[in-house]
N, C-alpha and C. Protein backbone atom coordinates (compact mmCIF):
# COMPACT_ATOMS: atom_id res chain seq x y z
N MET A 1 0.85 -1.18 0.00
CA MET A 1 0.00 0.00 0.00
C MET A 1 0.89 1.24 0.00
N ALA A 2 0.69 2.10 -0.93
CA ALA A 2 1.49 3.33 -1.05
C ALA A 2 0.94 4.40 -0.13
N ILE A 3 1.85 5.15 0.45
CA ILE A 3 1.45 6.28 1.29
C ILE A 3 1.38 7.51 0.42
N ARG A 4 0.24 8.13 0.41
CA ARG A 4 0.01 9.29 -0.44
C ARG A 4 0.53 10.55 0.25
N LYS A 5 1.34 11.31 -0.45
CA LYS A 5 1.83 12.59 0.08
C LYS A 5 0.71 13.61 0.00
N PRO A 6 0.62 14.48 1.00
CA PRO A 6 -0.44 15.49 0.95
C PRO A 6 -0.23 16.42 -0.24
N ASN A 7 -1.29 16.72 -0.91
CA ASN A 7 -1.26 17.62 -2.05
C ASN A 7 -1.23 19.05 -1.53
N LYS A 8 -0.11 19.72 -1.71
CA LYS A 8 0.08 21.09 -1.19
C LYS A 8 -0.96 22.05 -1.75
N LEU A 9 -1.30 21.88 -3.02
CA LEU A 9 -2.28 22.76 -3.66
C LEU A 9 -3.66 22.57 -3.04
N ALA A 10 -4.04 21.32 -2.80
CA ALA A 10 -5.34 21.03 -2.18
C ALA A 10 -5.38 21.55 -0.75
N GLN A 11 -4.28 21.37 -0.01
CA GLN A 11 -4.22 21.88 1.36
C GLN A 11 -4.34 23.40 1.37
N ALA A 12 -3.68 24.06 0.46
CA ALA A 12 -3.74 25.52 0.39
C ALA A 12 -5.16 25.98 0.09
N ALA A 13 -5.85 25.27 -0.79
CA ALA A 13 -7.23 25.63 -1.12
C ALA A 13 -8.15 25.46 0.08
N VAL A 14 -7.95 24.38 0.84
CA VAL A 14 -8.76 24.15 2.04
C VAL A 14 -8.49 25.24 3.07
N MET A 15 -7.21 25.58 3.28
CA MET A 15 -6.86 26.62 4.24
C MET A 15 -7.47 27.96 3.85
N LYS A 16 -7.42 28.27 2.55
CA LYS A 16 -7.99 29.52 2.07
C LYS A 16 -9.49 29.55 2.32
N GLN A 17 -10.15 28.41 2.08
CA GLN A 17 -11.59 28.31 2.32
C GLN A 17 -11.91 28.50 3.80
N ILE A 18 -11.09 27.90 4.67
CA ILE A 18 -11.29 28.04 6.11
C ILE A 18 -11.15 29.50 6.53
N LEU A 19 -10.10 30.15 6.05
CA LEU A 19 -9.87 31.55 6.42
C LEU A 19 -10.97 32.45 5.89
N LYS A 20 -11.44 32.17 4.67
CA LYS A 20 -12.52 32.98 4.11
C LYS A 20 -13.77 32.82 4.97
N ARG A 21 -14.07 31.59 5.36
CA ARG A 21 -15.24 31.31 6.19
C ARG A 21 -15.08 32.00 7.55
N CYS A 22 -13.87 31.93 8.12
CA CYS A 22 -13.63 32.52 9.43
C CYS A 22 -13.72 34.04 9.40
N SER A 23 -13.37 34.65 8.29
CA SER A 23 -13.40 36.11 8.22
C SER A 23 -14.82 36.65 8.25
N SER A 24 -15.80 35.78 7.97
CA SER A 24 -17.18 36.23 8.00
C SER A 24 -17.86 35.95 9.33
N LEU A 25 -17.11 35.46 10.29
CA LEU A 25 -17.69 35.13 11.59
C LEU A 25 -17.87 36.38 12.44
N GLY A 26 -18.59 36.22 13.52
CA GLY A 26 -18.71 37.29 14.50
C GLY A 26 -19.67 38.38 14.12
N LYS A 27 -20.69 38.10 13.37
CA LYS A 27 -21.63 39.14 12.95
C LYS A 27 -22.33 39.79 14.14
N LYS A 28 -22.41 39.06 15.26
CA LYS A 28 -23.05 39.64 16.44
C LYS A 28 -22.09 40.58 17.17
N GLN A 29 -20.79 40.39 16.97
CA GLN A 29 -19.82 41.27 17.57
C GLN A 29 -19.63 42.49 16.67
N SER A 30 -18.91 43.43 17.18
CA SER A 30 -18.58 44.61 16.40
C SER A 30 -17.61 44.22 15.29
N CYS A 31 -17.90 44.61 14.05
CA CYS A 31 -17.09 44.22 12.90
C CYS A 31 -16.60 45.45 12.15
N ASP A 32 -15.49 45.27 11.44
CA ASP A 32 -15.00 46.36 10.60
C ASP A 32 -15.74 46.34 9.27
N GLU A 33 -15.32 47.19 8.33
CA GLU A 33 -16.03 47.31 7.05
C GLU A 33 -15.93 46.06 6.19
N GLN A 34 -14.97 45.18 6.48
CA GLN A 34 -14.83 43.94 5.73
C GLN A 34 -15.59 42.78 6.39
N GLY A 35 -16.26 43.05 7.51
CA GLY A 35 -17.00 42.02 8.20
C GLY A 35 -16.17 41.19 9.16
N ILE A 36 -14.94 41.60 9.43
CA ILE A 36 -14.06 40.86 10.34
C ILE A 36 -14.26 41.40 11.75
N PRO A 37 -14.50 40.52 12.73
CA PRO A 37 -14.69 40.99 14.11
C PRO A 37 -13.48 41.80 14.58
N VAL A 38 -13.74 42.92 15.21
CA VAL A 38 -12.65 43.80 15.64
C VAL A 38 -11.87 43.22 16.81
N ASP A 39 -12.42 42.26 17.53
CA ASP A 39 -11.70 41.68 18.65
C ASP A 39 -10.77 40.54 18.23
N VAL A 40 -10.70 40.24 16.93
CA VAL A 40 -9.81 39.19 16.44
C VAL A 40 -8.57 39.85 15.88
N PRO A 41 -7.42 39.66 16.54
CA PRO A 41 -6.19 40.29 16.06
C PRO A 41 -5.76 39.75 14.70
N LYS A 42 -5.02 40.57 13.98
CA LYS A 42 -4.49 40.15 12.70
C LYS A 42 -3.65 38.89 12.91
N GLY A 43 -3.79 37.93 11.99
CA GLY A 43 -3.04 36.69 12.11
C GLY A 43 -3.73 35.64 12.96
N HIS A 44 -4.99 35.87 13.30
CA HIS A 44 -5.77 34.94 14.11
C HIS A 44 -7.12 34.68 13.46
N PHE A 45 -7.80 33.64 13.92
CA PHE A 45 -9.16 33.35 13.46
C PHE A 45 -9.96 32.74 14.60
N VAL A 46 -11.26 32.65 14.40
CA VAL A 46 -12.18 32.20 15.44
C VAL A 46 -12.64 30.78 15.15
N VAL A 47 -12.70 29.97 16.20
CA VAL A 47 -13.33 28.65 16.12
C VAL A 47 -14.29 28.51 17.28
N TYR A 48 -15.25 27.62 17.11
CA TYR A 48 -16.22 27.32 18.16
C TYR A 48 -16.02 25.88 18.57
N VAL A 49 -15.98 25.64 19.88
CA VAL A 49 -15.58 24.33 20.40
C VAL A 49 -16.57 23.84 21.45
N GLY A 50 -16.80 22.54 21.44
CA GLY A 50 -17.57 21.89 22.49
C GLY A 50 -19.07 21.99 22.32
N GLU A 51 -19.78 21.38 23.27
CA GLU A 51 -21.24 21.38 23.24
C GLU A 51 -21.83 22.78 23.31
N ASN A 52 -21.20 23.65 24.08
CA ASN A 52 -21.70 25.01 24.25
C ASN A 52 -21.21 25.95 23.15
N ARG A 53 -20.42 25.42 22.23
CA ARG A 53 -19.85 26.21 21.14
C ARG A 53 -19.15 27.47 21.65
N SER A 54 -18.25 27.24 22.61
CA SER A 54 -17.45 28.36 23.15
C SER A 54 -16.53 28.89 22.08
N ARG A 55 -16.36 30.20 22.07
CA ARG A 55 -15.58 30.88 21.03
C ARG A 55 -14.13 31.02 21.47
N TYR A 56 -13.21 30.62 20.58
CA TYR A 56 -11.78 30.73 20.84
C TYR A 56 -11.12 31.44 19.67
N ILE A 57 -10.14 32.26 19.98
CA ILE A 57 -9.35 32.95 18.96
C ILE A 57 -7.99 32.28 18.94
N VAL A 58 -7.61 31.75 17.77
CA VAL A 58 -6.35 31.02 17.66
C VAL A 58 -5.50 31.61 16.54
N PRO A 59 -4.18 31.48 16.65
CA PRO A 59 -3.30 32.00 15.60
C PRO A 59 -3.40 31.18 14.31
N ILE A 60 -3.29 31.85 13.18
CA ILE A 60 -3.34 31.19 11.89
C ILE A 60 -2.21 30.16 11.76
N SER A 61 -1.11 30.39 12.44
CA SER A 61 0.02 29.45 12.37
C SER A 61 -0.36 28.05 12.82
N PHE A 62 -1.43 27.91 13.60
CA PHE A 62 -1.90 26.58 14.02
C PHE A 62 -2.34 25.75 12.82
N LEU A 63 -2.74 26.40 11.75
CA LEU A 63 -3.24 25.68 10.58
C LEU A 63 -2.18 24.77 9.95
N THR A 64 -0.92 25.07 10.19
CA THR A 64 0.15 24.25 9.61
C THR A 64 0.50 23.06 10.49
N ARG A 65 0.01 23.03 11.70
CA ARG A 65 0.35 21.96 12.65
C ARG A 65 -0.50 20.72 12.38
N PRO A 66 0.13 19.54 12.26
CA PRO A 66 -0.62 18.30 11.99
C PRO A 66 -1.70 18.02 13.04
N GLU A 67 -1.43 18.35 14.30
CA GLU A 67 -2.41 18.11 15.37
C GLU A 67 -3.68 18.93 15.13
N PHE A 68 -3.51 20.18 14.72
CA PHE A 68 -4.66 21.04 14.47
C PHE A 68 -5.36 20.64 13.17
N GLN A 69 -4.59 20.21 12.19
CA GLN A 69 -5.18 19.76 10.93
C GLN A 69 -6.08 18.55 11.15
N THR A 70 -5.72 17.70 12.12
CA THR A 70 -6.58 16.57 12.46
C THR A 70 -7.93 17.06 12.93
N LEU A 71 -7.94 18.10 13.77
CA LEU A 71 -9.20 18.67 14.23
C LEU A 71 -10.00 19.25 13.06
N LEU A 72 -9.32 19.88 12.12
CA LEU A 72 -10.01 20.44 10.96
C LEU A 72 -10.64 19.35 10.10
N HIS A 73 -9.94 18.23 9.96
CA HIS A 73 -10.51 17.12 9.19
C HIS A 73 -11.73 16.54 9.90
N LEU A 74 -11.67 16.46 11.23
CA LEU A 74 -12.84 15.99 11.99
C LEU A 74 -14.01 16.95 11.81
N ALA A 75 -13.71 18.25 11.83
CA ALA A 75 -14.77 19.25 11.64
C ALA A 75 -15.38 19.13 10.26
N GLU A 76 -14.54 18.91 9.26
CA GLU A 76 -15.04 18.76 7.89
C GLU A 76 -15.93 17.53 7.77
N GLU A 77 -15.50 16.42 8.38
CA GLU A 77 -16.28 15.18 8.31
C GLU A 77 -17.62 15.33 9.02
N GLU A 78 -17.61 15.99 10.18
CA GLU A 78 -18.84 16.08 10.97
C GLU A 78 -19.78 17.18 10.49
N PHE A 79 -19.23 18.34 10.16
CA PHE A 79 -20.07 19.50 9.85
C PHE A 79 -19.98 19.97 8.40
N GLY A 80 -18.89 19.64 7.72
CA GLY A 80 -18.66 20.18 6.39
C GLY A 80 -18.31 21.65 6.49
N PHE A 81 -18.21 22.32 5.35
CA PHE A 81 -17.88 23.75 5.35
C PHE A 81 -19.04 24.59 4.85
N GLY A 82 -20.19 23.97 4.65
CA GLY A 82 -21.31 24.68 4.07
C GLY A 82 -22.34 25.17 5.08
N HIS A 83 -21.90 25.71 6.20
CA HIS A 83 -22.86 26.25 7.17
C HIS A 83 -22.42 27.64 7.61
N ASP A 84 -23.35 28.40 8.16
CA ASP A 84 -23.09 29.81 8.49
C ASP A 84 -22.72 30.05 9.94
N LYS A 85 -22.60 29.03 10.72
CA LYS A 85 -22.36 29.20 12.15
C LYS A 85 -20.89 29.33 12.49
N GLY A 86 -20.01 29.34 11.53
CA GLY A 86 -18.59 29.46 11.80
C GLY A 86 -17.92 28.11 11.87
N LEU A 87 -16.63 28.10 11.99
CA LEU A 87 -15.85 26.87 12.05
C LEU A 87 -16.01 26.26 13.43
N THR A 88 -16.67 25.11 13.48
CA THR A 88 -16.91 24.42 14.74
C THR A 88 -16.01 23.20 14.83
N ILE A 89 -15.29 23.09 15.93
CA ILE A 89 -14.39 21.97 16.16
C ILE A 89 -15.10 20.94 17.04
N PRO A 90 -15.26 19.70 16.57
CA PRO A 90 -15.99 18.69 17.32
C PRO A 90 -15.14 17.96 18.35
N CYS A 91 -14.81 18.66 19.42
CA CYS A 91 -14.11 18.00 20.53
C CYS A 91 -14.48 18.73 21.81
N GLU A 92 -14.16 18.11 22.92
CA GLU A 92 -14.45 18.74 24.21
C GLU A 92 -13.52 19.93 24.42
N GLU A 93 -14.04 20.92 25.13
CA GLU A 93 -13.25 22.14 25.36
C GLU A 93 -11.95 21.84 26.08
N VAL A 94 -11.99 20.95 27.05
CA VAL A 94 -10.77 20.65 27.82
C VAL A 94 -9.70 20.06 26.91
N VAL A 95 -10.09 19.25 25.95
CA VAL A 95 -9.14 18.67 25.00
C VAL A 95 -8.59 19.76 24.09
N PHE A 96 -9.46 20.64 23.61
CA PHE A 96 -9.05 21.73 22.74
C PHE A 96 -8.07 22.67 23.47
N ARG A 97 -8.40 23.03 24.71
CA ARG A 97 -7.51 23.91 25.48
C ARG A 97 -6.15 23.26 25.71
N SER A 98 -6.16 21.97 25.99
CA SER A 98 -4.91 21.24 26.20
C SER A 98 -4.07 21.23 24.92
N LEU A 99 -4.70 20.96 23.80
CA LEU A 99 -3.99 20.93 22.52
C LEU A 99 -3.42 22.30 22.18
N THR A 100 -4.23 23.35 22.29
CA THR A 100 -3.74 24.69 21.93
C THR A 100 -2.66 25.15 22.89
N SER A 101 -2.76 24.76 24.15
CA SER A 101 -1.71 25.10 25.11
C SER A 101 -0.40 24.42 24.72
N MET A 102 -0.47 23.15 24.34
CA MET A 102 0.72 22.42 23.91
C MET A 102 1.31 23.06 22.65
N LEU A 103 0.46 23.43 21.69
CA LEU A 103 0.96 24.05 20.46
C LEU A 103 1.63 25.39 20.74
N ARG A 104 1.02 26.19 21.61
CA ARG A 104 1.63 27.48 21.96
C ARG A 104 2.99 27.27 22.62
N HIS A 105 3.07 26.28 23.51
CA HIS A 105 4.33 25.99 24.20
C HIS A 105 5.40 25.57 23.19
N ARG A 106 5.04 24.69 22.26
CA ARG A 106 6.00 24.25 21.24
C ARG A 106 6.45 25.40 20.36
N MET A 107 5.54 26.30 20.02
CA MET A 107 5.89 27.43 19.17
C MET A 107 6.82 28.39 19.90
N ARG A 108 6.55 28.62 21.19
CA ARG A 108 7.44 29.49 21.98
C ARG A 108 8.82 28.85 22.09
N LYS A 109 8.86 27.55 22.35
CA LYS A 109 10.12 26.83 22.48
C LYS A 109 10.91 26.89 21.18
N ALA A 110 10.23 26.72 20.04
CA ALA A 110 10.89 26.79 18.74
C ALA A 110 11.43 28.19 18.48
N THR A 111 10.70 29.22 18.89
CA THR A 111 11.15 30.60 18.71
C THR A 111 12.38 30.87 19.54
N ILE A 112 12.42 30.35 20.76
CA ILE A 112 13.58 30.55 21.64
C ILE A 112 14.80 29.85 21.06
N VAL A 113 14.64 28.63 20.57
CA VAL A 113 15.75 27.88 19.98
C VAL A 113 16.26 28.59 18.74
N GLU A 114 15.38 29.09 17.89
CA GLU A 114 15.79 29.80 16.68
C GLU A 114 16.52 31.09 17.02
N GLY A 115 16.15 31.72 18.12
CA GLY A 115 16.73 33.00 18.50
C GLY A 115 18.14 32.88 19.06
N ASP A 116 18.57 31.68 19.41
CA ASP A 116 19.92 31.49 19.97
C ASP A 116 20.99 31.65 18.95
């Protein structure tokens, strides 16, 4: 059985679709003229997690991490991308917080190592 390499072009298209969808989120919050919520810093996007659909703001750099991409694939399988409620991640909040905490820690550690 051959292992298929990820198609970079297909991944880029999916990421672009995710970001486009995320930029239209937050209609209930205060938005700028492009419809982007003003409380979302540049380089970040919004996801909704858990049963209560709690709102989290995460850095776009997470999109390149295999661990986060797994969550995106689960979201695609469960919800698809054709809904207006924003990008919803199908996992428990405690799991999501643990994962994002680990990713932030790894990114900080990588930045410190690169800075030496």
